[in-house]
Amino acid sequence: MARIFITGSSDGLGLMAAKLLLEQGHSVVLHARNEQRAEETRRKLPQAEAVLTGDLSSLRQTRSVAEQANATGRFHAVIHNAAIGYREPKRIVTEDGLAHLFAINSVAPYLLTALMPAPTRLVYVSSGLHLQGDPSLQDLNWDSRPWSGHQAYSDSKLHNVLLAFAIARRWPNVLSNAMTPGWVQTKMGGPGASDDLEQGHLTQVWLATSDDPAATVTGRYFYHLRESKVLPDAQRQESQQKFIDACERITGERLPDAS
């Protein structure tokens, strides 16, 4: 039995993944943005080991989530699932001076990764829209660019792949991969999404727990249990390091060299 922590697991694909993992006999620690959502999540999945709380748009609260998680013990796998979509009509600034979408989708996974003991496996939930992400990594926080929610989301999903691949390179004892659930009908995906919702959560569960040789790899990008096309720039060590360096500057936390 494995212990798995899933961020953003109070609803949607995170909750679906948690249900499946529990059915498979694993121990699951969930995460919700606030106590009200956490209580709702406990009612939905009372068999979960715990539900941690914290708003990942806040560096302070993200640090608290890491502290809460570390207090429960080491995890076999961490699934970085929490994200917001592309519908923000304007650039919203957090208490830390970060663009809201960038803080949650890009910075929070980095900060949690840096602050938690390395698990055996890391899964970063990205998107096919990472192919439209800006590989220049200029103006990550949208300080100068005219705001585009769609582009900001695409950029953040590229950041998830860069982080997954950087970890795979730097931590050889950890299986670190990125994946896309496809365009599915969740709150984020919307009612027009055309992919199979019932398939959306399976790859993250598979990467977190399966002994299938196809799943026990690192530095790969998956869609529906198969390796998929990735933006070539995501495989460039220089691009990975540029993103890591930016996150270190923003958070003040250095990513350890090895697990």
Protein backbone atom coordinates (compact mmCIF):
# COMPACT_ATOMS: atom_id res chain seq x y z
CA MET A 1 0.00 0.00 0.00
CA ALA A 2 1.32 3.43 -0.97
CA ARG A 3 0.75 6.83 0.63
CA ILE A 4 -0.17 9.49 -1.91
CA PHE A 5 -0.72 13.22 -1.48
CA ILE A 6 -2.88 14.97 -4.08
CA THR A 7 -3.09 18.75 -4.27
CA GLY A 8 -6.36 20.31 -5.38
CA SER A 9 -8.32 17.17 -4.56
CA SER A 10 -11.58 18.57 -3.15
CA ASP A 11 -13.33 18.05 -6.49
CA GLY A 12 -12.74 17.30 -10.16
CA LEU A 13 -9.97 15.02 -11.35
CA GLY A 14 -8.09 15.20 -8.05
CA LEU A 15 -11.07 13.81 -6.17
CA MET A 16 -11.64 11.17 -8.86
CA ALA A 17 -8.01 10.06 -8.58
CA ALA A 18 -8.32 9.91 -4.79
CA LYS A 19 -11.42 7.71 -4.99
CA LEU A 20 -9.70 5.27 -7.32
CA LEU A 21 -6.56 5.13 -5.19
CA LEU A 22 -8.63 4.41 -2.09
CA GLU A 23 -10.51 1.67 -3.94
CA GLN A 24 -7.13 0.16 -4.81
CA GLY A 25 -6.22 0.07 -1.12
CA HIS A 26 -3.81 2.99 -0.94
CA SER A 27 -3.68 5.66 1.75
CA VAL A 28 -4.51 9.11 0.44
CA VAL A 29 -3.99 12.59 1.88
CA LEU A 30 -6.13 15.23 0.23
CA HIS A 31 -5.91 18.98 -0.05
CA ALA A 32 -8.51 21.76 -0.14
CA ARG A 33 -8.19 25.52 -0.47
CA ASN A 34 -9.95 26.35 2.81
CA GLU A 35 -11.58 24.70 5.80
CA GLN A 36 -15.10 24.85 4.35
CA ARG A 37 -14.00 22.94 1.26
CA ALA A 38 -11.96 20.59 3.43
CA GLU A 39 -15.02 19.70 5.49
CA GLU A 40 -17.00 19.03 2.32
CA THR A 41 -14.17 16.82 1.09
CA ARG A 42 -14.11 14.85 4.34
CA ARG A 43 -17.80 14.12 3.88
CA LYS A 44 -17.20 12.99 0.30
CA LEU A 45 -14.25 10.74 1.18
CA PRO A 46 -14.29 9.94 4.90
CA GLN A 47 -11.86 7.09 4.33
CA ALA A 48 -9.08 9.52 3.35
CA GLU A 49 -6.21 9.68 5.82
CA ALA A 50 -6.39 13.47 6.10
CA VAL A 51 -7.43 16.64 4.31
CA LEU A 52 -4.90 19.47 4.43
CA THR A 53 -5.88 23.09 3.92
CA GLY A 54 -4.20 26.05 2.30
CA ASP A 55 -4.65 28.50 -0.55
CA LEU A 56 -1.87 27.81 -3.03
CA SER A 57 -2.03 31.35 -4.38
CA SER A 58 -0.26 32.41 -1.16
CA LEU A 59 3.39 31.57 -0.57
CA ARG A 60 2.72 31.62 3.17
CA GLN A 61 -0.19 29.20 2.93
CA THR A 62 1.67 26.98 0.47
CA ARG A 63 4.47 26.71 3.01
CA SER A 64 1.84 25.74 5.57
CA VAL A 65 0.54 22.98 3.27
CA ALA A 66 4.07 21.62 2.98
CA GLU A 67 4.46 21.71 6.77
CA GLN A 68 1.13 19.93 7.26
CA ALA A 69 2.07 17.31 4.69
CA ASN A 70 5.51 16.73 6.18
CA ALA A 71 3.97 16.29 9.63
CA THR A 72 2.01 13.27 8.37
CA GLY A 73 5.13 11.43 7.20
CA ARG A 74 6.87 10.70 3.93
CA PHE A 75 4.84 9.96 0.80
CA HIS A 76 5.38 7.34 -1.85
CA ALA A 77 3.95 9.72 -4.45
CA VAL A 78 2.82 13.31 -4.73
CA ILE A 79 0.39 14.32 -7.48
CA HIS A 80 0.55 18.04 -8.21
CA ASN A 81 -2.97 18.40 -9.53
CA ALA A 82 -4.11 21.82 -8.22
CA ALA A 83 -4.61 24.45 -10.90
CA ILE A 84 -6.96 27.12 -12.12
CA GLY A 85 -8.07 27.53 -15.72
CA TYR A 86 -7.75 30.10 -18.47
CA ARG A 87 -10.87 32.17 -17.86
CA GLU A 88 -9.47 34.94 -15.63
CA PRO A 89 -10.44 38.08 -17.59
CA LYS A 90 -7.68 40.21 -16.10
CA ARG A 91 -4.41 39.86 -14.24
CA ILE A 92 -5.22 39.31 -10.56
CA VAL A 93 -2.35 40.01 -8.17
CA THR A 94 -1.82 37.97 -5.01
CA GLU A 95 -0.60 39.15 -1.60
CA ASP A 96 2.92 38.26 -2.77
CA GLY A 97 2.70 40.41 -5.89
CA LEU A 98 2.33 37.40 -8.19
CA ALA A 99 -0.17 36.87 -10.96
CA HIS A 100 -2.84 34.64 -9.41
CA LEU A 101 -2.74 31.98 -12.12
CA PHE A 102 1.05 31.91 -12.18
CA ALA A 103 1.20 31.60 -8.37
CA ILE A 104 -1.12 28.58 -8.22
CA ASN A 105 -0.25 26.73 -11.40
CA SER A 106 3.49 27.36 -11.61
CA VAL A 107 5.03 28.58 -8.35
CA ALA A 108 3.10 26.43 -5.86
CA PRO A 109 4.18 23.07 -7.36
CA TYR A 110 7.77 24.24 -7.28
CA LEU A 111 7.56 25.45 -3.67
CA LEU A 112 5.90 22.26 -2.44
CA THR A 113 8.49 20.17 -4.28
CA ALA A 114 11.31 22.17 -2.72
CA LEU A 115 9.92 21.99 0.82
CA MET A 116 8.79 18.35 1.00
CA PRO A 117 11.05 15.30 1.30
CA ALA A 118 11.39 13.73 -2.12
CA PRO A 119 8.86 10.95 -2.65
CA THR A 120 9.50 7.93 -4.83
CA ARG A 121 7.28 9.37 -7.56
CA LEU A 122 6.17 12.83 -8.63
CA VAL A 123 3.32 13.48 -11.04
CA TYR A 124 2.72 16.96 -12.45
CA VAL A 125 -0.65 17.48 -14.12
CA SER A 126 -0.05 19.57 -17.23
CA SER A 127 -2.11 20.05 -20.40
CA GLY A 128 -1.88 19.67 -24.13
CA LEU A 129 -1.96 23.47 -24.16
CA HIS A 130 1.63 23.42 -22.91
CA LEU A 131 2.49 23.12 -26.61
CA GLN A 132 1.31 26.73 -26.93
CA GLY A 133 3.34 27.90 -23.93
CA ASP A 134 5.98 30.60 -24.34
CA PRO A 135 9.39 28.87 -24.29
CA SER A 136 11.24 32.17 -23.91
CA LEU A 137 10.16 32.30 -20.25
CA GLN A 138 10.16 36.08 -20.45
CA ASP A 139 7.93 38.10 -18.11
CA LEU A 140 6.72 35.01 -16.24
CA ASN A 141 4.65 37.14 -13.88
CA TRP A 142 2.92 39.12 -16.64
CA ASP A 143 4.27 42.41 -15.34
CA SER A 144 4.67 43.88 -18.85
CA ARG A 145 2.69 41.70 -21.25
CA PRO A 146 -0.96 42.48 -21.99
CA TRP A 147 -2.94 39.89 -20.05
CA SER A 148 -4.21 36.79 -21.83
CA GLY A 149 -5.77 34.12 -19.64
CA HIS A 150 -5.39 31.50 -22.35
CA GLN A 151 -1.70 32.25 -22.87
CA ALA A 152 -1.03 32.46 -19.13
CA TYR A 153 -2.61 29.05 -18.66
CA SER A 154 -0.65 27.57 -21.57
CA ASP A 155 2.56 29.03 -20.16
CA SER A 156 1.85 27.57 -16.72
CA LYS A 157 1.28 24.11 -18.15
CA LEU A 158 4.64 24.35 -19.91
CA HIS A 159 6.14 25.30 -16.55
CA ASN A 160 4.74 22.08 -15.07
CA VAL A 161 6.52 20.03 -17.73
CA LEU A 162 9.76 21.96 -17.25
CA LEU A 163 9.59 21.30 -13.50
CA ALA A 164 8.86 17.59 -13.95
CA PHE A 165 11.75 17.19 -16.37
CA ALA A 166 14.12 19.24 -14.22
CA ILE A 167 13.38 17.02 -11.23
CA ALA A 168 13.89 13.91 -13.34
CA ARG A 169 17.32 15.20 -14.32
CA ARG A 170 18.35 16.38 -10.85
CA TRP A 171 16.84 13.62 -8.71
CA PRO A 172 17.73 10.29 -10.37
CA ASN A 173 16.13 8.26 -7.58
CA VAL A 174 12.71 9.82 -8.18
CA LEU A 175 10.34 9.00 -11.01
CA SER A 176 9.15 12.45 -12.10
CA ASN A 177 6.72 12.78 -14.98
CA ALA A 178 4.14 15.15 -16.44
CA MET A 179 0.82 14.24 -17.96
CA THR A 180 -2.32 15.67 -19.49
CA PRO A 181 -5.81 14.43 -18.63
CA GLY A 182 -7.07 15.77 -21.93
CA TRP A 183 -9.80 18.36 -22.35
CA VAL A 184 -12.46 17.00 -20.00
CA GLN A 185 -15.72 18.32 -18.58
CA THR A 186 -14.62 19.54 -15.18
CA LYS A 187 -15.18 23.02 -13.78
CA MET A 188 -11.93 23.99 -15.44
CA GLY A 189 -12.56 22.27 -18.75
CA GLY A 190 -16.11 23.49 -19.11
CA PRO A 191 -19.18 21.88 -20.70
CA GLY A 192 -17.77 21.93 -24.22
CA ALA A 193 -14.81 19.65 -23.44
CA SER A 194 -14.64 16.66 -25.74
CA ASP A 195 -12.32 14.13 -24.05
CA ASP A 196 -13.53 11.20 -21.94
CA LEU A 197 -13.88 12.37 -18.33
CA GLU A 198 -13.65 8.78 -17.09
CA GLN A 199 -10.16 8.55 -18.60
CA GLY A 200 -8.97 11.87 -17.22
CA HIS A 201 -7.71 10.71 -13.84
CA LEU A 202 -6.36 7.28 -14.76
CA THR A 203 -2.92 8.33 -15.95
CA GLN A 204 -2.02 10.18 -12.76
CA VAL A 205 -3.04 7.16 -10.67
CA TRP A 206 -1.07 4.86 -12.96
CA LEU A 207 2.07 6.99 -12.81
CA ALA A 208 1.79 7.28 -9.02
CA THR A 209 1.42 3.59 -8.24
CA SER A 210 1.79 1.18 -11.16
CA ASP A 211 4.67 -1.28 -11.50
CA ASP A 212 4.04 -1.43 -15.24
CA PRO A 213 7.43 -0.89 -16.95
CA ALA A 214 5.81 1.83 -19.07
CA ALA A 215 4.95 3.74 -15.88
CA THR A 216 8.25 3.27 -14.07
CA VAL A 217 10.13 5.78 -16.20
CA THR A 218 11.13 9.37 -15.58
CA GLY A 219 11.25 12.64 -17.47
CA ARG A 220 8.35 11.75 -19.77
CA TYR A 221 5.02 13.27 -20.74
CA PHE A 222 1.87 11.14 -20.94
CA TYR A 223 -1.68 11.19 -22.26
CA HIS A 224 -4.05 8.31 -21.52
CA LEU A 225 -1.34 5.91 -20.31
CA ARG A 226 0.92 6.53 -23.31
CA GLU A 227 3.86 8.81 -23.92
CA SER A 228 2.78 11.82 -25.92
CA LYS A 229 4.19 14.73 -27.88
CA VAL A 230 5.96 17.32 -25.78
CA LEU A 231 7.22 20.79 -26.67
CA PRO A 232 10.88 20.28 -27.63
CA ASP A 233 11.97 23.27 -25.53
CA ALA A 234 10.72 21.46 -22.42
CA GLN A 235 13.51 18.95 -22.91
CA ARG A 236 16.21 21.61 -23.01
CA GLN A 237 18.25 21.70 -19.82
CA GLU A 238 18.73 25.46 -20.22
CA SER A 239 14.96 26.06 -20.26
CA GLN A 240 14.42 23.83 -17.25
CA GLN A 241 17.13 25.62 -15.30
CA LYS A 242 15.82 29.05 -16.27
CA PHE A 243 12.44 28.17 -14.78
CA ILE A 244 13.99 26.68 -11.63
CA ASP A 245 16.15 29.79 -11.16
CA ALA A 246 13.09 32.05 -11.48
CA CYS A 247 11.18 30.05 -8.88
CA GLU A 248 14.14 30.14 -6.50
CA ARG A 249 14.23 33.92 -6.77
CA ILE A 250 10.49 34.26 -6.24
CA THR A 251 10.18 31.88 -3.28
CA GLY A 252 13.59 32.17 -1.67
CA GLU A 253 13.73 28.38 -1.59
CA ARG A 254 16.44 26.47 -3.40
CA LEU A 255 15.57 23.16 -4.99
CA PRO A 256 17.81 20.48 -3.44
CA ASP A 257 20.35 18.96 -5.82
CA ALA A 258 19.41 15.35 -5.17
CA SER A 259 16.83 13.32 -3.31
